[in-house]
Amino acid sequence: MTRVFCIGELLIDFVAENQGSDLSKAHDFTKKAGGAPANVACAISKLGGKSSFIGCVGDDPFGKFLLNALKNENVDVSMAHQSDTFTTLAFVSLAKDGERDFVFARGADQELKYDSSVKNQLQNNMLHLGAATALLGGPLEDAYGRYLFDALTKDCFISFDPNFRIDLWKGNEAVFVKKCLPYIEKSHLCKFSHEEALLLSGKTTVEEACKEFHEMGCQVITVTLGGQGTFVSTDTIQKTVPSIPVNPIDTTGAGDAFIGCLLYQISQLSSIKTVFEDAALLTEMVALANKAGAITTTAFGAIEALPNKNQLFT
């Protein structure tokens, strides 16, 4: 079974309770484990796949809570780091339709240092890069780029999700775009939201955006469209794969559940090249990933809401 290495942030989501999307009116918060790459690692493991998380948390009670949360989901955290810097926090508010607003208090996630011993473990495996905080500078950004280079030298399947957060990049969107482009160029699979696809491509439609990303070098592109499903694009197909109807209460982690489920399915293939060659198979895989994302929106939190095999295949 192919292992998926997920690199990026692991953080505390403090989710506002009993209010709408205005954090200034919130009084009560619930502590949840979060961070897009960590969510993806858990999504893979909960479905029976093999995943490893590489990131940094503080050597504090929050950091210990987060590492234990991943261990409880059978995610390998042996390559995770701990720092004297406090664990990164995110404050999240939810609107009635489940959509979110974020405020970040960055901490230890940016302290991840490159570990050369990881390189050989990437051989013939998979690397997922979730970029919510990874391109903001510091040791993490340096490590992120070096792991990408290692993956390229080790015949590793590479997945990239930009995880654009306006709170982190407001006024610096052009910098974000510039930093993402090398990862799009080198990745086999990219997952975008509709907003991200248009922002990063500079185009006005999803179809035009996907054409631009293919010209950059990415072979498989998925653009999640919420309740409408996912637009999938390769050399041979460009189509919207529908999702299942649900009543969302919290969209946190839905995109991570989607890409985690898709990567899990790819990791089970006897030949990963099949995903580039079999349009019907890819469509089926995206449909199942859509279901995983949809199920995740029907419960609060990210990791707790991620579906297991029983939920996904019933």
C-alpha atoms as a PDB file:
ATOM      1  CA  MET A   1       0.000   0.000   0.000  1.00  0.00           C
ATOM      2  CA  THR A   2       1.357   3.405  -0.972  1.00  0.00           C
ATOM      3  CA  ARG A   3       1.946   5.857   1.893  1.00  0.00           C
ATOM      4  CA  VAL A   4       0.835   9.486   1.682  1.00  0.00           C
ATOM      5  CA  PHE A   5       3.063  12.065   3.378  1.00  0.00           C
ATOM      6  CA  CYS A   6       1.136  15.231   4.299  1.00  0.00           C
ATOM      7  CA  ILE A   7       3.166  18.368   4.997  1.00  0.00           C
ATOM      8  CA  GLY A   8       1.998  21.656   6.492  1.00  0.00           C
ATOM      9  CA  GLU A   9       0.151  23.028   9.493  1.00  0.00           C
ATOM     10  CA  LEU A  10      -1.453  21.328  12.470  1.00  0.00           C
ATOM     11  CA  LEU A  11      -3.317  23.786  14.674  1.00  0.00           C
ATOM     12  CA  ILE A  12      -6.109  24.403  17.141  1.00  0.00           C
ATOM     13  CA  ASP A  13      -9.425  25.527  15.673  1.00  0.00           C
ATOM     14  CA  PHE A  14     -11.359  27.498  18.253  1.00  0.00           C
ATOM     15  CA  VAL A  15     -14.872  27.331  16.820  1.00  0.00           C
ATOM     16  CA  ALA A  16     -17.307  30.038  17.914  1.00  0.00           C
ATOM     17  CA  GLU A  17     -20.531  28.691  19.381  1.00  0.00           C
ATOM     18  CA  ASN A  18     -24.087  30.003  19.157  1.00  0.00           C
ATOM     19  CA  GLN A  19     -23.518  32.944  16.804  1.00  0.00           C
ATOM     20  CA  GLY A  20     -23.253  33.761  13.125  1.00  0.00           C
ATOM     21  CA  SER A  21     -20.276  34.780  11.057  1.00  0.00           C
ATOM     22  CA  ASP A  22     -19.220  37.791  13.165  1.00  0.00           C
ATOM     23  CA  LEU A  23     -16.385  36.761  15.491  1.00  0.00           C
ATOM     24  CA  SER A  24     -16.657  40.034  17.401  1.00  0.00           C
ATOM     25  CA  LYS A  25     -19.962  38.802  18.845  1.00  0.00           C
ATOM     26  CA  ALA A  26     -18.669  35.392  19.914  1.00  0.00           C
ATOM     27  CA  HIS A  27     -18.226  34.525  23.597  1.00  0.00           C
ATOM     28  CA  ASP A  28     -17.888  30.756  23.717  1.00  0.00           C
ATOM     29  CA  PHE A  29     -15.448  28.648  21.705  1.00  0.00           C
ATOM     30  CA  THR A  30     -14.925  24.902  21.371  1.00  0.00           C
ATOM     31  CA  LYS A  31     -11.426  23.511  20.885  1.00  0.00           C
ATOM     32  CA  LYS A  32     -10.964  21.312  17.805  1.00  0.00           C
ATOM     33  CA  ALA A  33      -7.931  19.802  16.095  1.00  0.00           C
ATOM     34  CA  GLY A  34      -7.404  21.303  12.644  1.00  0.00           C
ATOM     35  CA  GLY A  35      -5.033  22.283   9.885  1.00  0.00           C
ATOM     36  CA  ALA A  36      -5.673  21.244   6.296  1.00  0.00           C
ATOM     37  CA  PRO A  37      -2.727  18.834   5.758  1.00  0.00           C
ATOM     38  CA  ALA A  38      -3.411  17.175   9.115  1.00  0.00           C
ATOM     39  CA  ASN A  39      -7.081  16.793   8.197  1.00  0.00           C
ATOM     40  CA  VAL A  40      -6.064  15.152   4.917  1.00  0.00           C
ATOM     41  CA  ALA A  41      -3.773  12.713   6.746  1.00  0.00           C
ATOM     42  CA  CYS A  42      -6.657  11.772   9.051  1.00  0.00           C
ATOM     43  CA  ALA A  43      -9.091  11.423   6.139  1.00  0.00           C
ATOM     44  CA  ILE A  44      -6.746   8.921   4.490  1.00  0.00           C
ATOM     45  CA  SER A  45      -6.137   6.958   7.678  1.00  0.00           C
ATOM     46  CA  LYS A  46      -9.836   6.793   8.641  1.00  0.00           C
ATOM     47  CA  LEU A  47     -10.520   5.102   5.311  1.00  0.00           C
ATOM     48  CA  GLY A  48      -7.840   2.488   5.949  1.00  0.00           C
ATOM     49  CA  GLY A  49      -4.925   4.112   4.119  1.00  0.00           C
ATOM     50  CA  LYS A  50      -1.391   4.807   5.316  1.00  0.00           C
ATOM     51  CA  SER A  51      -0.561   8.431   6.074  1.00  0.00           C
ATOM     52  CA  SER A  52       2.209  10.366   7.765  1.00  0.00           C
ATOM     53  CA  PHE A  53       2.024  13.961   8.967  1.00  0.00           C
ATOM     54  CA  ILE A  54       5.045  16.262   8.876  1.00  0.00           C
ATOM     55  CA  GLY A  55       4.613  19.593  10.625  1.00  0.00           C
ATOM     56  CA  CYS A  56       5.418  21.471  13.812  1.00  0.00           C
ATOM     57  CA  VAL A  57       3.408  22.161  16.968  1.00  0.00           C
ATOM     58  CA  GLY A  58       4.343  23.809  20.233  1.00  0.00           C
ATOM     59  CA  ASP A  59       5.783  21.864  23.142  1.00  0.00           C
ATOM     60  CA  ASP A  60       2.707  22.782  25.158  1.00  0.00           C
ATOM     61  CA  PRO A  61      -0.677  21.268  26.110  1.00  0.00           C
ATOM     62  CA  PHE A  62      -2.239  22.289  22.788  1.00  0.00           C
ATOM     63  CA  GLY A  63       0.582  20.638  20.841  1.00  0.00           C
ATOM     64  CA  LYS A  64       0.247  17.440  22.837  1.00  0.00           C
ATOM     65  CA  PHE A  65      -3.519  17.472  22.280  1.00  0.00           C
ATOM     66  CA  LEU A  66      -3.012  17.795  18.516  1.00  0.00           C
ATOM     67  CA  LEU A  67      -0.438  15.019  18.208  1.00  0.00           C
ATOM     68  CA  ASN A  68      -2.637  12.720  20.277  1.00  0.00           C
ATOM     69  CA  ALA A  69      -5.617  13.549  18.046  1.00  0.00           C
ATOM     70  CA  LEU A  70      -3.643  12.356  14.997  1.00  0.00           C
ATOM     71  CA  LYS A  71      -2.301   9.289  16.799  1.00  0.00           C
ATOM     72  CA  ASN A  72      -5.870   8.355  17.725  1.00  0.00           C
ATOM     73  CA  GLU A  73      -6.659   8.280  13.993  1.00  0.00           C
ATOM     74  CA  ASN A  74      -3.627   6.043  13.311  1.00  0.00           C
ATOM     75  CA  VAL A  75      -1.687   8.783  11.530  1.00  0.00           C
ATOM     76  CA  ASP A  76       2.087   8.378  11.777  1.00  0.00           C
ATOM     77  CA  VAL A  77       3.456  11.460  13.579  1.00  0.00           C
ATOM     78  CA  SER A  78       6.999  10.196  14.103  1.00  0.00           C
ATOM     79  CA  MET A  79       8.325  12.912  11.761  1.00  0.00           C
ATOM     80  CA  ALA A  80       6.374  15.762  13.378  1.00  0.00           C
ATOM     81  CA  HIS A  81       8.360  18.374  15.288  1.00  0.00           C
ATOM     82  CA  GLN A  82       7.765  20.252  18.537  1.00  0.00           C
ATOM     83  CA  SER A  83       8.982  23.791  19.173  1.00  0.00           C
ATOM     84  CA  ASP A  84       9.304  26.197  22.099  1.00  0.00           C
ATOM     85  CA  THR A  85       7.043  28.536  20.099  1.00  0.00           C
ATOM     86  CA  PHE A  86       3.346  28.327  21.047  1.00  0.00           C
ATOM     87  CA  THR A  87       1.035  26.138  18.993  1.00  0.00           C
ATOM     88  CA  THR A  88      -0.683  27.900  16.086  1.00  0.00           C
ATOM     89  CA  LEU A  89      -4.322  28.866  16.699  1.00  0.00           C
ATOM     90  CA  ALA A  90      -7.212  29.646  14.368  1.00  0.00           C
ATOM     91  CA  PHE A  91     -10.479  31.247  15.474  1.00  0.00           C
ATOM     92  CA  VAL A  92     -13.375  30.150  13.299  1.00  0.00           C
ATOM     93  CA  SER A  93     -16.922  31.462  12.976  1.00  0.00           C
ATOM     94  CA  LEU A  94     -19.751  29.720  11.169  1.00  0.00           C
ATOM     95  CA  ALA A  95     -22.595  31.280   9.203  1.00  0.00           C
ATOM     96  CA  LYS A  96     -26.010  29.595   8.974  1.00  0.00           C
ATOM     97  CA  ASP A  97     -25.052  27.845   5.736  1.00  0.00           C
ATOM     98  CA  GLY A  98     -21.948  26.363   7.356  1.00  0.00           C
ATOM     99  CA  GLU A  99     -19.483  28.702   5.612  1.00  0.00           C
ATOM    100  CA  ARG A 100     -16.555  29.914   7.689  1.00  0.00           C
ATOM    101  CA  ASP A 101     -14.518  32.957   8.570  1.00  0.00           C
ATOM    102  CA  PHE A 102     -10.993  32.649   9.993  1.00  0.00           C
ATOM    103  CA  VAL A 103      -8.620  34.660  12.147  1.00  0.00           C
ATOM    104  CA  PHE A 104      -5.160  33.141  12.669  1.00  0.00           C
ATOM    105  CA  ALA A 105      -2.659  33.482  15.505  1.00  0.00           C
ATOM    106  CA  ARG A 106       0.428  31.924  13.964  1.00  0.00           C
ATOM    107  CA  GLY A 107       2.917  30.084  16.081  1.00  0.00           C
ATOM    108  CA  ALA A 108       4.859  26.844  15.892  1.00  0.00           C
ATOM    109  CA  ASP A 109       3.674  25.685  12.464  1.00  0.00           C
ATOM    110  CA  GLN A 110       6.154  28.090  10.821  1.00  0.00           C
ATOM    111  CA  GLU A 111       9.065  26.499  12.735  1.00  0.00           C
ATOM    112  CA  LEU A 112       9.126  23.199  10.794  1.00  0.00           C
ATOM    113  CA  LYS A 113      12.686  22.463   9.680  1.00  0.00           C
ATOM    114  CA  TYR A 114      13.710  20.310   6.738  1.00  0.00           C
ATOM    115  CA  ASP A 115      14.693  16.741   7.631  1.00  0.00           C
ATOM    116  CA  SER A 116      16.895  15.040   5.021  1.00  0.00           C
ATOM    117  CA  SER A 117      16.001  11.578   6.375  1.00  0.00           C
ATOM    118  CA  VAL A 118      12.504  11.946   4.895  1.00  0.00           C
ATOM    119  CA  LYS A 119      13.830  11.952   1.333  1.00  0.00           C
ATOM    120  CA  ASN A 120      14.380   8.219   0.914  1.00  0.00           C
ATOM    121  CA  GLN A 121      10.994   7.440   2.478  1.00  0.00           C
ATOM    122  CA  LEU A 122       9.298   9.323  -0.341  1.00  0.00           C
ATOM    123  CA  GLN A 123      10.492   6.798  -2.952  1.00  0.00           C
ATOM    124  CA  ASN A 124       7.482   5.553  -4.963  1.00  0.00           C
ATOM    125  CA  ASN A 125       5.085   7.011  -2.397  1.00  0.00           C
ATOM    126  CA  MET A 126       2.845  10.103  -2.421  1.00  0.00           C
ATOM    127  CA  LEU A 127       3.337  13.653  -1.154  1.00  0.00           C
ATOM    128  CA  HIS A 128       0.474  16.025  -0.351  1.00  0.00           C
ATOM    129  CA  LEU A 129       1.294  19.695   0.112  1.00  0.00           C
ATOM    130  CA  GLY A 130      -1.368  21.810   1.820  1.00  0.00           C
ATOM    131  CA  ALA A 131      -0.376  25.458   1.633  1.00  0.00           C
ATOM    132  CA  ALA A 132      -2.600  27.461   4.009  1.00  0.00           C
ATOM    133  CA  THR A 133       0.387  28.761   6.009  1.00  0.00           C
ATOM    134  CA  ALA A 134       3.306  27.100   4.240  1.00  0.00           C
ATOM    135  CA  LEU A 135       4.170  29.942   1.869  1.00  0.00           C
ATOM    136  CA  LEU A 136       4.305  32.712   4.479  1.00  0.00           C
ATOM    137  CA  GLY A 137       8.058  32.519   4.989  1.00  0.00           C
ATOM    138  CA  GLY A 138      10.327  31.083   7.671  1.00  0.00           C
ATOM    139  CA  PRO A 139      11.720  27.564   8.030  1.00  0.00           C
ATOM    140  CA  LEU A 140       8.400  25.988   6.991  1.00  0.00           C
ATOM    141  CA  GLU A 141       8.453  27.561   3.533  1.00  0.00           C
ATOM    142  CA  ASP A 142      12.063  26.493   3.028  1.00  0.00           C
ATOM    143  CA  ALA A 143      11.292  22.921   4.144  1.00  0.00           C
ATOM    144  CA  TYR A 144       8.195  22.856   1.949  1.00  0.00           C
ATOM    145  CA  GLY A 145      10.171  23.660  -1.178  1.00  0.00           C
ATOM    146  CA  ARG A 146      12.912  21.184  -0.365  1.00  0.00           C
ATOM    147  CA  TYR A 147      10.434  18.365   0.182  1.00  0.00           C
ATOM    148  CA  LEU A 148       8.911  19.161  -3.205  1.00  0.00           C
ATOM    149  CA  PHE A 149      12.346  18.810  -4.798  1.00  0.00           C
ATOM    150  CA  ASP A 150      12.949  15.528  -2.939  1.00  0.00           C
ATOM    151  CA  ALA A 151       9.630  14.159  -4.187  1.00  0.00           C
ATOM    152  CA  LEU A 152      10.570  15.011  -7.766  1.00  0.00           C
ATOM    153  CA  THR A 153      13.789  13.006  -7.443  1.00  0.00           C
ATOM    154  CA  LYS A 154      12.093   9.977  -5.855  1.00  0.00           C
ATOM    155  CA  ASP A 155       9.347   9.188  -8.396  1.00  0.00           C
ATOM    156  CA  CYS A 156       6.759  10.398  -5.908  1.00  0.00           C
ATOM    157  CA  PHE A 157       3.166  11.279  -6.823  1.00  0.00           C
ATOM    158  CA  ILE A 158       2.663  14.945  -5.851  1.00  0.00           C
ATOM    159  CA  SER A 159      -0.604  16.580  -4.817  1.00  0.00           C
ATOM    160  CA  PHE A 160      -1.056  20.301  -4.116  1.00  0.00           C
ATOM    161  CA  ASP A 161      -3.893  22.222  -2.445  1.00  0.00           C
ATOM    162  CA  PRO A 162      -3.274  26.000  -2.089  1.00  0.00           C
ATOM    163  CA  ASN A 163      -5.785  26.428   0.780  1.00  0.00           C
ATOM    164  CA  PHE A 164      -6.072  30.178   0.200  1.00  0.00           C
ATOM    165  CA  ARG A 165      -7.053  32.098   3.346  1.00  0.00           C
ATOM    166  CA  ILE A 166      -7.833  35.775   2.777  1.00  0.00           C
ATOM    167  CA  ASP A 167      -7.008  36.631   6.407  1.00  0.00           C
ATOM    168  CA  LEU A 168      -3.411  35.541   5.780  1.00  0.00           C
ATOM    169  CA  TRP A 169      -2.933  37.139   2.349  1.00  0.00           C
ATOM    170  CA  LYS A 170      -5.138  40.247   2.281  1.00  0.00           C
ATOM    171  CA  GLY A 171      -3.398  42.837   0.113  1.00  0.00           C
ATOM    172  CA  ASN A 172      -0.722  40.309  -0.905  1.00  0.00           C
ATOM    173  CA  GLU A 173      -2.727  38.065  -3.201  1.00  0.00           C
ATOM    174  CA  ALA A 174      -0.238  38.557  -6.064  1.00  0.00           C
ATOM    175  CA  VAL A 175       2.557  37.214  -3.841  1.00  0.00           C
ATOM    176  CA  PHE A 176       0.439  34.188  -2.981  1.00  0.00           C
ATOM    177  CA  VAL A 177      -0.181  33.496  -6.673  1.00  0.00           C
ATOM    178  CA  LYS A 178       3.510  33.798  -7.536  1.00  0.00           C
ATOM    179  CA  LYS A 179       4.507  31.404  -4.758  1.00  0.00           C
ATOM    180  CA  CYS A 180       1.894  28.805  -5.714  1.00  0.00           C
ATOM    181  CA  LEU A 181       2.787  28.575  -9.407  1.00  0.00           C
ATOM    182  CA  PRO A 182       5.907  26.354  -9.044  1.00  0.00           C
ATOM    183  CA  TYR A 183       3.851  23.834  -7.068  1.00  0.00           C
ATOM    184  CA  ILE A 184       1.115  23.771  -9.689  1.00  0.00           C
ATOM    185  CA  GLU A 185       3.751  23.266 -12.387  1.00  0.00           C
ATOM    186  CA  LYS A 186       5.335  20.287 -10.596  1.00  0.00           C
ATOM    187  CA  SER A 187       2.269  18.529  -9.171  1.00  0.00           C
ATOM    188  CA  HIS A 188       0.490  15.588 -10.753  1.00  0.00           C
ATOM    189  CA  LEU A 189      -2.801  16.498  -9.034  1.00  0.00           C
ATOM    190  CA  CYS A 190      -4.072  19.896  -7.913  1.00  0.00           C
ATOM    191  CA  LYS A 191      -7.215  20.569  -5.911  1.00  0.00           C
ATOM    192  CA  PHE A 192      -8.682  24.073  -6.022  1.00  0.00           C
ATOM    193  CA  SER A 193     -11.796  25.785  -4.787  1.00  0.00           C
ATOM    194  CA  HIS A 194     -13.646  27.853  -7.404  1.00  0.00           C
ATOM    195  CA  GLU A 195     -12.177  31.047  -5.905  1.00  0.00           C
ATOM    196  CA  GLU A 196      -8.644  29.653  -5.923  1.00  0.00           C
ATOM    197  CA  ALA A 197      -8.869  28.418  -9.512  1.00  0.00           C
ATOM    198  CA  LEU A 198      -9.777  31.879 -10.812  1.00  0.00           C
ATOM    199  CA  LEU A 199      -7.310  33.704  -8.551  1.00  0.00           C
ATOM    200  CA  LEU A 200      -4.328  31.510  -9.434  1.00  0.00           C
ATOM    201  CA  SER A 201      -5.051  31.302 -13.158  1.00  0.00           C
ATOM    202  CA  GLY A 202      -6.136  34.900 -13.722  1.00  0.00           C
ATOM    203  CA  LYS A 203      -9.037  33.563 -15.790  1.00  0.00           C
ATOM    204  CA  THR A 204     -12.781  34.147 -15.503  1.00  0.00           C
ATOM    205  CA  THR A 205     -14.104  30.597 -15.910  1.00  0.00           C
ATOM    206  CA  VAL A 206     -13.183  27.234 -14.452  1.00  0.00           C
ATOM    207  CA  GLU A 207     -12.681  25.769 -17.923  1.00  0.00           C
ATOM    208  CA  GLU A 208     -10.193  28.492 -18.861  1.00  0.00           C
ATOM    209  CA  ALA A 209      -8.455  28.111 -15.504  1.00  0.00           C
ATOM    210  CA  CYS A 210      -7.977  24.374 -15.984  1.00  0.00           C
ATOM    211  CA  LYS A 211      -6.565  24.903 -19.468  1.00  0.00           C
ATOM    212  CA  GLU A 212      -4.042  27.314 -17.970  1.00  0.00           C
ATOM    213  CA  PHE A 213      -3.058  24.852 -15.233  1.00  0.00           C
ATOM    214  CA  HIS A 214      -2.602  22.035 -17.761  1.00  0.00           C
ATOM    215  CA  GLU A 215      -0.312  24.274 -19.803  1.00  0.00           C
ATOM    216  CA  MET A 216       1.728  24.850 -16.643  1.00  0.00           C
ATOM    217  CA  GLY A 217       2.195  21.095 -16.303  1.00  0.00           C
ATOM    218  CA  CYS A 218      -0.456  19.723 -13.941  1.00  0.00           C
ATOM    219  CA  GLN A 219      -2.092  16.556 -15.289  1.00  0.00           C
ATOM    220  CA  VAL A 220      -5.174  16.112 -13.077  1.00  0.00           C
ATOM    221  CA  ILE A 221      -7.124  19.135 -11.832  1.00  0.00           C
ATOM    222  CA  THR A 222     -10.127  19.130  -9.521  1.00  0.00           C
ATOM    223  CA  VAL A 223     -12.113  22.268  -8.709  1.00  0.00           C
ATOM    224  CA  THR A 224     -14.600  21.824  -5.878  1.00  0.00           C
ATOM    225  CA  LEU A 225     -17.908  23.640  -6.389  1.00  0.00           C
ATOM    226  CA  GLY A 226     -19.693  23.055  -3.086  1.00  0.00           C
ATOM    227  CA  GLY A 227     -23.085  21.406  -3.445  1.00  0.00           C
ATOM    228  CA  GLN A 228     -22.742  21.339  -7.236  1.00  0.00           C
ATOM    229  CA  GLY A 229     -19.936  18.790  -7.083  1.00  0.00           C
ATOM    230  CA  THR A 230     -16.447  18.944  -8.563  1.00  0.00           C
ATOM    231  CA  PHE A 231     -15.153  19.950 -11.971  1.00  0.00           C
ATOM    232  CA  VAL A 232     -12.482  17.476 -13.036  1.00  0.00           C
ATOM    233  CA  SER A 233     -10.097  18.078 -15.925  1.00  0.00           C
ATOM    234  CA  THR A 234      -7.427  15.945 -17.628  1.00  0.00           C
ATOM    235  CA  ASP A 235      -6.193  15.558 -21.184  1.00  0.00           C
ATOM    236  CA  THR A 236      -9.275  13.478 -21.971  1.00  0.00           C
ATOM    237  CA  ILE A 237     -12.125  14.736 -19.762  1.00  0.00           C
ATOM    238  CA  GLN A 238     -13.553  18.041 -18.599  1.00  0.00           C
ATOM    239  CA  LYS A 239     -16.771  17.529 -16.664  1.00  0.00           C
ATOM    240  CA  THR A 240     -18.606  18.336 -13.463  1.00  0.00           C
ATOM    241  CA  VAL A 241     -19.082  15.285 -11.259  1.00  0.00           C
ATOM    242  CA  PRO A 242     -22.161  15.813  -9.044  1.00  0.00           C
ATOM    243  CA  SER A 243     -22.168  15.468  -5.269  1.00  0.00           C
ATOM    244  CA  ILE A 244     -24.856  14.079  -2.981  1.00  0.00           C
ATOM    245  CA  PRO A 245     -27.499  16.352  -1.385  1.00  0.00           C
ATOM    246  CA  VAL A 246     -26.930  17.200   2.300  1.00  0.00           C
ATOM    247  CA  ASN A 247     -27.920  19.896   4.785  1.00  0.00           C
ATOM    248  CA  PRO A 248     -24.534  21.391   5.736  1.00  0.00           C
ATOM    249  CA  ILE A 249     -23.934  22.696   9.237  1.00  0.00           C
ATOM    250  CA  ASP A 250     -20.141  23.143   9.119  1.00  0.00           C
ATOM    251  CA  THR A 251     -18.039  23.142   5.939  1.00  0.00           C
ATOM    252  CA  THR A 252     -14.772  22.955   7.901  1.00  0.00           C
ATOM    253  CA  GLY A 253     -12.678  20.118   6.497  1.00  0.00           C
ATOM    254  CA  ALA A 254     -14.950  19.337   3.533  1.00  0.00           C
ATOM    255  CA  GLY A 255     -12.247  20.073   0.970  1.00  0.00           C
ATOM    256  CA  ASP A 256      -9.735  18.125   3.038  1.00  0.00           C
ATOM    257  CA  ALA A 257     -12.107  15.160   3.199  1.00  0.00           C
ATOM    258  CA  PHE A 258     -12.488  15.363  -0.584  1.00  0.00           C
ATOM    259  CA  ILE A 259      -8.781  15.378  -1.400  1.00  0.00           C
ATOM    260  CA  GLY A 260      -8.015  12.885   1.374  1.00  0.00           C
ATOM    261  CA  CYS A 261     -10.542  10.419  -0.032  1.00  0.00           C
ATOM    262  CA  LEU A 262      -9.230  10.933  -3.559  1.00  0.00           C
ATOM    263  CA  LEU A 263      -5.620  10.393  -2.457  1.00  0.00           C
ATOM    264  CA  TYR A 264      -6.656   7.314  -0.485  1.00  0.00           C
ATOM    265  CA  GLN A 265      -8.181   5.803  -3.607  1.00  0.00           C
ATOM    266  CA  ILE A 266      -5.125   6.641  -5.695  1.00  0.00           C
ATOM    267  CA  SER A 267      -2.888   5.057  -3.047  1.00  0.00           C
ATOM    268  CA  GLN A 268      -4.780   1.771  -3.475  1.00  0.00           C
ATOM    269  CA  LEU A 269      -4.086   1.519  -7.218  1.00  0.00           C
ATOM    270  CA  SER A 270      -1.579  -1.091  -8.332  1.00  0.00           C
ATOM    271  CA  SER A 271      -0.302   1.495 -10.803  1.00  0.00           C
ATOM    272  CA  ILE A 272      -0.796   5.167 -10.001  1.00  0.00           C
ATOM    273  CA  LYS A 273      -0.477   5.953 -13.716  1.00  0.00           C
ATOM    274  CA  THR A 274      -3.995   4.530 -14.087  1.00  0.00           C
ATOM    275  CA  VAL A 275      -5.410   7.754 -12.673  1.00  0.00           C
ATOM    276  CA  PHE A 276      -4.062   9.636 -15.712  1.00  0.00           C
ATOM    277  CA  GLU A 277      -5.254   7.099 -18.257  1.00  0.00           C
ATOM    278  CA  ASP A 278      -8.708   5.852 -17.162  1.00  0.00           C
ATOM    279  CA  ALA A 279     -11.253   8.684 -17.325  1.00  0.00           C
ATOM    280  CA  ALA A 280     -14.135   6.491 -16.131  1.00  0.00           C
ATOM    281  CA  LEU A 281     -12.171   5.350 -13.083  1.00  0.00           C
ATOM    282  CA  LEU A 282     -11.165   8.912 -12.201  1.00  0.00           C
ATOM    283  CA  THR A 283     -14.790  10.038 -12.471  1.00  0.00           C
ATOM    284  CA  GLU A 284     -15.856   7.280 -10.073  1.00  0.00           C
ATOM    285  CA  MET A 285     -13.106   8.234  -7.652  1.00  0.00           C
ATOM    286  CA  VAL A 286     -14.089  11.912  -7.702  1.00  0.00           C
ATOM    287  CA  ALA A 287     -17.738  10.990  -7.104  1.00  0.00           C
ATOM    288  CA  LEU A 288     -16.757   9.032  -3.989  1.00  0.00           C
ATOM    289  CA  ALA A 289     -14.534  11.890  -2.843  1.00  0.00           C
ATOM    290  CA  ASN A 290     -17.488  14.256  -3.305  1.00  0.00           C
ATOM    291  CA  LYS A 291     -19.514  12.029  -1.003  1.00  0.00           C
ATOM    292  CA  ALA A 292     -16.765  12.140   1.631  1.00  0.00           C
ATOM    293  CA  GLY A 293     -16.704  15.924   1.487  1.00  0.00           C
ATOM    294  CA  ALA A 294     -20.480  16.168   1.708  1.00  0.00           C
ATOM    295  CA  ILE A 295     -20.706  13.848   4.720  1.00  0.00           C
ATOM    296  CA  THR A 296     -18.092  15.950   6.519  1.00  0.00           C
ATOM    297  CA  THR A 297     -20.306  19.045   6.323  1.00  0.00           C
ATOM    298  CA  THR A 298     -23.091  17.364   8.301  1.00  0.00           C
ATOM    299  CA  ALA A 299     -21.203  17.439  11.629  1.00  0.00           C
ATOM    300  CA  PHE A 300     -19.147  19.991  13.546  1.00  0.00           C
ATOM    301  CA  GLY A 301     -15.368  20.034  13.445  1.00  0.00           C
ATOM    302  CA  ALA A 302     -13.045  18.594  10.848  1.00  0.00           C
ATOM    303  CA  ILE A 303     -11.350  15.411  12.046  1.00  0.00           C
ATOM    304  CA  GLU A 304     -14.351  14.164  14.022  1.00  0.00           C
ATOM    305  CA  ALA A 305     -16.613  14.684  11.008  1.00  0.00           C
ATOM    306  CA  LEU A 306     -14.415  12.857   8.485  1.00  0.00           C
ATOM    307  CA  PRO A 307     -16.157   9.688   7.294  1.00  0.00           C
ATOM    308  CA  ASN A 308     -14.889   6.172   7.828  1.00  0.00           C
ATOM    309  CA  LYS A 309     -15.359   3.295   5.408  1.00  0.00           C
ATOM    310  CA  ASN A 310     -18.710   2.270   6.854  1.00  0.00           C
ATOM    311  CA  GLN A 311     -20.149   5.754   6.384  1.00  0.00           C
ATOM    312  CA  LEU A 312     -18.706   6.170   2.916  1.00  0.00           C
ATOM    313  CA  PHE A 313     -19.782   2.865   1.422  1.00  0.00           C
ATOM    314  CA  THR A 314     -23.357   2.714   2.749  1.00  0.00           C
END
